[in-house]
Amino acid sequence: MATVTIPKQITKGEELVVLTRKEYEKFLDATVREKEVSAADMLRWSREAKQLKKQGKLPVLRSLKDLR
């Protein structure tokens, strides 16, 4: 992947990265896929939480104050 970084003097303190459209679309597709949660993900998380509870690695939550 070829990337070009523009100096901060040109972009007024912020970096600017130039990508090809194909790479940009791949990046967007990957970020959208990361945000989607499937039923399989929910089931996996549930199993993992049950295992952690059995191992005693999950704290007991008695109130919302305990979250802090």
PDB file of N, CA and C in Angstrom:
ATOM      1  N   MET A   1       0.853  -1.166   0.000  1.00  0.00           N
ATOM      2  CA  MET A   1       0.000   0.000   0.000  1.00  0.00           C
ATOM      3  C   MET A   1       0.901   1.231   0.000  1.00  0.00           C
ATOM      4  N   ALA A   2       0.695   2.083  -0.950  1.00  0.00           N
ATOM      5  CA  ALA A   2       1.457   3.320  -1.022  1.00  0.00           C
ATOM      6  C   ALA A   2       0.679   4.415  -0.309  1.00  0.00           C
ATOM      7  N   THR A   3       1.319   5.072   0.639  1.00  0.00           N
ATOM      8  CA  THR A   3       0.686   6.189   1.344  1.00  0.00           C
ATOM      9  C   THR A   3       1.582   7.409   1.241  1.00  0.00           C
ATOM     10  N   VAL A   4       0.970   8.558   1.227  1.00  0.00           N
ATOM     11  CA  VAL A   4       1.698   9.819   1.179  1.00  0.00           C
ATOM     12  C   VAL A   4       1.205  10.667   2.335  1.00  0.00           C
ATOM     13  N   THR A   5       2.116  11.167   3.143  1.00  0.00           N
ATOM     14  CA  THR A   5       1.743  12.023   4.262  1.00  0.00           C
ATOM     15  C   THR A   5       2.130  13.462   3.927  1.00  0.00           C
ATOM     16  N   ILE A   6       1.176  14.355   4.037  1.00  0.00           N
ATOM     17  CA  ILE A   6       1.397  15.767   3.754  1.00  0.00           C
ATOM     18  C   ILE A   6       1.913  16.435   5.027  1.00  0.00           C
ATOM     19  N   PRO A   7       2.947  17.277   4.947  1.00  0.00           N
ATOM     20  CA  PRO A   7       3.475  17.938   6.145  1.00  0.00           C
ATOM     21  C   PRO A   7       2.420  18.783   6.864  1.00  0.00           C
ATOM     22  N   LYS A   8       2.609  18.937   8.169  1.00  0.00           N
ATOM     23  CA  LYS A   8       1.654  19.681   8.991  1.00  0.00           C
ATOM     24  C   LYS A   8       1.570  21.151   8.610  1.00  0.00           C
ATOM     25  N   GLN A   9       2.638  21.717   8.047  1.00  0.00           N
ATOM     26  CA  GLN A   9       2.606  23.128   7.667  1.00  0.00           C
ATOM     27  C   GLN A   9       1.563  23.367   6.569  1.00  0.00           C
ATOM     28  N   ILE A  10       1.386  22.401   5.705  1.00  0.00           N
ATOM     29  CA  ILE A  10       0.429  22.554   4.605  1.00  0.00           C
ATOM     30  C   ILE A  10      -1.003  22.351   5.104  1.00  0.00           C
ATOM     31  N   THR A  11      -1.196  21.430   6.020  1.00  0.00           N
ATOM     32  CA  THR A  11      -2.539  21.113   6.499  1.00  0.00           C
ATOM     33  C   THR A  11      -2.890  21.851   7.785  1.00  0.00           C
ATOM     34  N   LYS A  12      -2.094  22.828   8.142  1.00  0.00           N
ATOM     35  CA  LYS A  12      -2.336  23.670   9.324  1.00  0.00           C
ATOM     36  C   LYS A  12      -2.408  22.851  10.613  1.00  0.00           C
ATOM     37  N   GLY A  13      -1.409  22.005  10.820  1.00  0.00           N
ATOM     38  CA  GLY A  13      -1.307  21.275  12.082  1.00  0.00           C
ATOM     39  C   GLY A  13      -1.922  19.893  12.079  1.00  0.00           C
ATOM     40  N   GLU A  14      -2.669  19.545  11.064  1.00  0.00           N
ATOM     41  CA  GLU A  14      -3.267  18.219  11.017  1.00  0.00           C
ATOM     42  C   GLU A  14      -2.645  17.417   9.892  1.00  0.00           C
ATOM     43  N   GLU A  15      -2.474  16.117  10.112  1.00  0.00           N
ATOM     44  CA  GLU A  15      -1.891  15.270   9.080  1.00  0.00           C
ATOM     45  C   GLU A  15      -2.962  14.865   8.082  1.00  0.00           C
ATOM     46  N   LEU A  16      -2.562  14.724   6.850  1.00  0.00           N
ATOM     47  CA  LEU A  16      -3.452  14.310   5.785  1.00  0.00           C
ATOM     48  C   LEU A  16      -2.814  13.123   5.091  1.00  0.00           C
ATOM     49  N   VAL A  17      -3.556  12.033   4.946  1.00  0.00           N
ATOM     50  CA  VAL A  17      -3.040  10.832   4.316  1.00  0.00           C
ATOM     51  C   VAL A  17      -3.831  10.580   3.043  1.00  0.00           C
ATOM     52  N   VAL A  18      -3.133  10.285   1.954  1.00  0.00           N
ATOM     53  CA  VAL A  18      -3.757  10.049   0.659  1.00  0.00           C
ATOM     54  C   VAL A  18      -3.737   8.549   0.384  1.00  0.00           C
ATOM     55  N   LEU A  19      -4.907   7.986   0.055  1.00  0.00           N
ATOM     56  CA  LEU A  19      -5.044   6.570  -0.279  1.00  0.00           C
ATOM     57  C   LEU A  19      -5.700   6.430  -1.643  1.00  0.00           C
ATOM     58  N   THR A  20      -5.498   5.295  -2.269  1.00  0.00           N
ATOM     59  CA  THR A  20      -6.236   5.025  -3.496  1.00  0.00           C
ATOM     60  C   THR A  20      -7.691   4.737  -3.131  1.00  0.00           C
ATOM     61  N   ARG A  21      -8.592   4.917  -4.075  1.00  0.00           N
ATOM     62  CA  ARG A  21     -10.011   4.684  -3.804  1.00  0.00           C
ATOM     63  C   ARG A  21     -10.249   3.239  -3.376  1.00  0.00           C
ATOM     64  N   LYS A  22      -9.561   2.295  -4.018  1.00  0.00           N
ATOM     65  CA  LYS A  22      -9.736   0.881  -3.687  1.00  0.00           C
ATOM     66  C   LYS A  22      -9.361   0.616  -2.227  1.00  0.00           C
ATOM     67  N   GLU A  23      -8.230   1.171  -1.791  1.00  0.00           N
ATOM     68  CA  GLU A  23      -7.800   0.988  -0.404  1.00  0.00           C
ATOM     69  C   GLU A  23      -8.752   1.688   0.560  1.00  0.00           C
ATOM     70  N   TYR A  24      -9.229   2.857   0.181  1.00  0.00           N
ATOM     71  CA  TYR A  24     -10.173   3.598   1.017  1.00  0.00           C
ATOM     72  C   TYR A  24     -11.476   2.817   1.177  1.00  0.00           C
ATOM     73  N   GLU A  25     -11.986   2.237   0.092  1.00  0.00           N
ATOM     74  CA  GLU A  25     -13.226   1.457   0.165  1.00  0.00           C
ATOM     75  C   GLU A  25     -13.032   0.209   1.012  1.00  0.00           C
ATOM     76  N   LYS A  26     -11.853  -0.418   0.909  1.00  0.00           N
ATOM     77  CA  LYS A  26     -11.570  -1.576   1.759  1.00  0.00           C
ATOM     78  C   LYS A  26     -11.568  -1.171   3.227  1.00  0.00           C
ATOM     79  N   PHE A  27     -10.962  -0.017   3.515  1.00  0.00           N
ATOM     80  CA  PHE A  27     -10.921   0.497   4.886  1.00  0.00           C
ATOM     81  C   PHE A  27     -12.331   0.755   5.407  1.00  0.00           C
ATOM     82  N   LEU A  28     -13.162   1.404   4.581  1.00  0.00           N
ATOM     83  CA  LEU A  28     -14.541   1.675   5.004  1.00  0.00           C
ATOM     84  C   LEU A  28     -15.311   0.391   5.235  1.00  0.00           C
ATOM     85  N   ASP A  29     -15.139  -0.569   4.352  1.00  0.00           N
ATOM     86  CA  ASP A  29     -15.836  -1.839   4.484  1.00  0.00           C
ATOM     87  C   ASP A  29     -15.431  -2.541   5.775  1.00  0.00           C
ATOM     88  N   ALA A  30     -14.148  -2.501   6.096  1.00  0.00           N
ATOM     89  CA  ALA A  30     -13.661  -3.147   7.320  1.00  0.00           C
ATOM     90  C   ALA A  30     -14.221  -2.463   8.563  1.00  0.00           C
ATOM     91  N   THR A  31     -14.310  -1.124   8.548  1.00  0.00           N
ATOM     92  CA  THR A  31     -14.824  -0.428   9.728  1.00  0.00           C
ATOM     93  C   THR A  31     -16.312  -0.676   9.903  1.00  0.00           C
ATOM     94  N   VAL A  32     -17.058  -0.806   8.808  1.00  0.00           N
ATOM     95  CA  VAL A  32     -18.490  -1.099   8.906  1.00  0.00           C
ATOM     96  C   VAL A  32     -18.696  -2.506   9.450  1.00  0.00           C
ATOM     97  N   ARG A  33     -17.892  -3.458   8.974  1.00  0.00           N
ATOM     98  CA  ARG A  33     -18.023  -4.836   9.447  1.00  0.00           C
ATOM     99  C   ARG A  33     -17.717  -4.946  10.926  1.00  0.00           C
ATOM    100  N   GLU A  34     -16.777  -4.134  11.424  1.00  0.00           N
ATOM    101  CA  GLU A  34     -16.437  -4.179  12.838  1.00  0.00           C
ATOM    102  C   GLU A  34     -17.608  -3.739  13.705  1.00  0.00           C
ATOM    103  N   LYS A  35     -18.450  -2.849  13.208  1.00  0.00           N
ATOM    104  CA  LYS A  35     -19.550  -2.310  14.000  1.00  0.00           C
ATOM    105  C   LYS A  35     -20.769  -3.223  14.020  1.00  0.00           C
ATOM    106  N   GLU A  36     -20.878  -4.122  13.051  1.00  0.00           N
ATOM    107  CA  GLU A  36     -22.030  -5.011  12.988  1.00  0.00           C
ATOM    108  C   GLU A  36     -21.866  -6.127  14.020  1.00  0.00           C
ATOM    109  N   VAL A  37     -22.919  -6.379  14.762  1.00  0.00           N
ATOM    110  CA  VAL A  37     -22.908  -7.434  15.766  1.00  0.00           C
ATOM    111  C   VAL A  37     -23.896  -8.498  15.319  1.00  0.00           C
ATOM    112  N   SER A  38     -23.406  -9.711  15.211  1.00  0.00           N
ATOM    113  CA  SER A  38     -24.274 -10.799  14.759  1.00  0.00           C
ATOM    114  C   SER A  38     -24.786 -11.600  15.954  1.00  0.00           C
ATOM    115  N   ALA A  39     -25.723 -12.463  15.683  1.00  0.00           N
ATOM    116  CA  ALA A  39     -26.258 -13.330  16.727  1.00  0.00           C
ATOM    117  C   ALA A  39     -25.164 -14.266  17.237  1.00  0.00           C
ATOM    118  N   ALA A  40     -24.285 -14.682  16.336  1.00  0.00           N
ATOM    119  CA  ALA A  40     -23.187 -15.562  16.739  1.00  0.00           C
ATOM    120  C   ALA A  40     -22.253 -14.850  17.715  1.00  0.00           C
ATOM    121  N   ASP A  41     -22.017 -13.556  17.492  1.00  0.00           N
ATOM    122  CA  ASP A  41     -21.196 -12.791  18.418  1.00  0.00           C
ATOM    123  C   ASP A  41     -21.835 -12.749  19.798  1.00  0.00           C
ATOM    124  N   MET A  42     -23.127 -12.502  19.832  1.00  0.00           N
ATOM    125  CA  MET A  42     -23.835 -12.426  21.119  1.00  0.00           C
ATOM    126  C   MET A  42     -23.772 -13.759  21.865  1.00  0.00           C
ATOM    127  N   LEU A  43     -23.949 -14.854  21.153  1.00  0.00           N
ATOM    128  CA  LEU A  43     -23.881 -16.168  21.787  1.00  0.00           C
ATOM    129  C   LEU A  43     -22.473 -16.459  22.305  1.00  0.00           C
ATOM    130  N   ARG A  44     -21.459 -16.088  21.535  1.00  0.00           N
ATOM    131  CA  ARG A  44     -20.070 -16.306  21.944  1.00  0.00           C
ATOM    132  C   ARG A  44     -19.756 -15.497  23.195  1.00  0.00           C
ATOM    133  N   TRP A  45     -20.192 -14.224  23.207  1.00  0.00           N
ATOM    134  CA  TRP A  45     -19.953 -13.380  24.382  1.00  0.00           C
ATOM    135  C   TRP A  45     -20.654 -13.936  25.608  1.00  0.00           C
ATOM    136  N   SER A  46     -21.847 -14.467  25.409  1.00  0.00           N
ATOM    137  CA  SER A  46     -22.600 -15.046  26.522  1.00  0.00           C
ATOM    138  C   SER A  46     -21.852 -16.251  27.098  1.00  0.00           C
ATOM    139  N   ARG A  47     -21.357 -17.117  26.220  1.00  0.00           N
ATOM    140  CA  ARG A  47     -20.594 -18.289  26.683  1.00  0.00           C
ATOM    141  C   ARG A  47     -19.333 -17.864  27.418  1.00  0.00           C
ATOM    142  N   GLU A  48     -18.645 -16.855  26.871  1.00  0.00           N
ATOM    143  CA  GLU A  48     -17.419 -16.382  27.519  1.00  0.00           C
ATOM    144  C   GLU A  48     -17.706 -15.792  28.896  1.00  0.00           C
ATOM    145  N   ALA A  49     -18.813 -15.069  29.017  1.00  0.00           N
ATOM    146  CA  ALA A  49     -19.180 -14.484  30.308  1.00  0.00           C
ATOM    147  C   ALA A  49     -19.521 -15.575  31.317  1.00  0.00           C
ATOM    148  N   LYS A  50     -20.209 -16.607  30.866  1.00  0.00           N
ATOM    149  CA  LYS A  50     -20.539 -17.718  31.772  1.00  0.00           C
ATOM    150  C   LYS A  50     -19.275 -18.415  32.257  1.00  0.00           C
ATOM    151  N   GLN A  51     -18.304 -18.602  31.359  1.00  0.00           N
ATOM    152  CA  GLN A  51     -17.040 -19.235  31.752  1.00  0.00           C
ATOM    153  C   GLN A  51     -16.294 -18.371  32.762  1.00  0.00           C
ATOM    154  N   LEU A  52     -16.265 -17.063  32.522  1.00  0.00           N
ATOM    155  CA  LEU A  52     -15.590 -16.164  33.458  1.00  0.00           C
ATOM    156  C   LEU A  52     -16.269 -16.171  34.818  1.00  0.00           C
ATOM    157  N   LYS A  53     -17.596 -16.259  34.821  1.00  0.00           N
ATOM    158  CA  LYS A  53     -18.327 -16.294  36.092  1.00  0.00           C
ATOM    159  C   LYS A  53     -17.993 -17.563  36.857  1.00  0.00           C
ATOM    160  N   LYS A  54     -17.936 -18.692  36.153  1.00  0.00           N
ATOM    161  CA  LYS A  54     -17.594 -19.955  36.813  1.00  0.00           C
ATOM    162  C   LYS A  54     -16.188 -19.920  37.398  1.00  0.00           C
ATOM    163  N   GLN A  55     -15.289 -19.214  36.717  1.00  0.00           N
ATOM    164  CA  GLN A  55     -13.909 -19.118  37.184  1.00  0.00           C
ATOM    165  C   GLN A  55     -13.746 -18.080  38.293  1.00  0.00           C
ATOM    166  N   GLY A  56     -14.800 -17.311  38.571  1.00  0.00           N
ATOM    167  CA  GLY A  56     -14.744 -16.304  39.611  1.00  0.00           C
ATOM    168  C   GLY A  56     -14.016 -15.036  39.193  1.00  0.00           C
ATOM    169  N   LYS A  57     -13.932 -14.793  37.894  1.00  0.00           N
ATOM    170  CA  LYS A  57     -13.211 -13.627  37.396  1.00  0.00           C
ATOM    171  C   LYS A  57     -14.118 -12.437  37.115  1.00  0.00           C
ATOM    172  N   LEU A  58     -15.407 -12.595  37.272  1.00  0.00           N
ATOM    173  CA  LEU A  58     -16.339 -11.485  37.099  1.00  0.00           C
ATOM    174  C   LEU A  58     -16.749 -10.964  38.458  1.00  0.00           C
ATOM    175  N   PRO A  59     -16.665  -9.647  38.672  1.00  0.00           N
ATOM    176  CA  PRO A  59     -17.082  -9.101  39.969  1.00  0.00           C
ATOM    177  C   PRO A  59     -18.610  -9.130  40.084  1.00  0.00           C
ATOM    178  N   VAL A  60     -19.077  -9.206  41.308  1.00  0.00           N
ATOM    179  CA  VAL A  60     -20.512  -9.180  41.564  1.00  0.00           C
ATOM    180  C   VAL A  60     -20.959  -7.729  41.503  1.00  0.00           C
ATOM    181  N   LEU A  61     -21.965  -7.458  40.722  1.00  0.00           N
ATOM    182  CA  LEU A  61     -22.472  -6.100  40.539  1.00  0.00           C
ATOM    183  C   LEU A  61     -23.725  -5.946  41.401  1.00  0.00           C
ATOM    184  N   ARG A  62     -23.608  -5.155  42.461  1.00  0.00           N
ATOM    185  CA  ARG A  62     -24.735  -4.961  43.350  1.00  0.00           C
ATOM    186  C   ARG A  62     -25.488  -3.664  43.041  1.00  0.00           C
ATOM    187  N   SER A  63     -24.819  -2.691  42.428  1.00  0.00           N
ATOM    188  CA  SER A  63     -25.466  -1.444  42.054  1.00  0.00           C
ATOM    189  C   SER A  63     -24.704  -0.808  40.899  1.00  0.00           C
ATOM    190  N   LEU A  64     -25.268   0.242  40.328  1.00  0.00           N
ATOM    191  CA  LEU A  64     -24.606   0.931  39.238  1.00  0.00           C
ATOM    192  C   LEU A  64     -23.340   1.656  39.706  1.00  0.00           C
ATOM    193  N   LYS A  65     -23.264   1.980  40.973  1.00  0.00           N
ATOM    194  CA  LYS A  65     -22.065   2.607  41.525  1.00  0.00           C
ATOM    195  C   LYS A  65     -20.860   1.687  41.411  1.00  0.00           C
ATOM    196  N   ASP A  66     -21.098   0.373  41.446  1.00  0.00           N
ATOM    197  CA  ASP A  66     -20.010  -0.594  41.354  1.00  0.00           C
ATOM    198  C   ASP A  66     -19.342  -0.577  39.981  1.00  0.00           C
ATOM    199  N   LEU A  67     -19.992  -0.029  38.988  1.00  0.00           N
ATOM    200  CA  LEU A  67     -19.412   0.027  37.655  1.00  0.00           C
ATOM    201  C   LEU A  67     -18.236   0.993  37.582  1.00  0.00           C
ATOM    202  N   ARG A  68     -18.215   1.970  38.453  1.00  0.00           N
ATOM    203  CA  ARG A  68     -17.147   2.983  38.426  1.00  0.00           C
ATOM    204  C   ARG A  68     -15.960   2.478  39.083  1.00  0.00           C
TER     205      ARG A  68
END
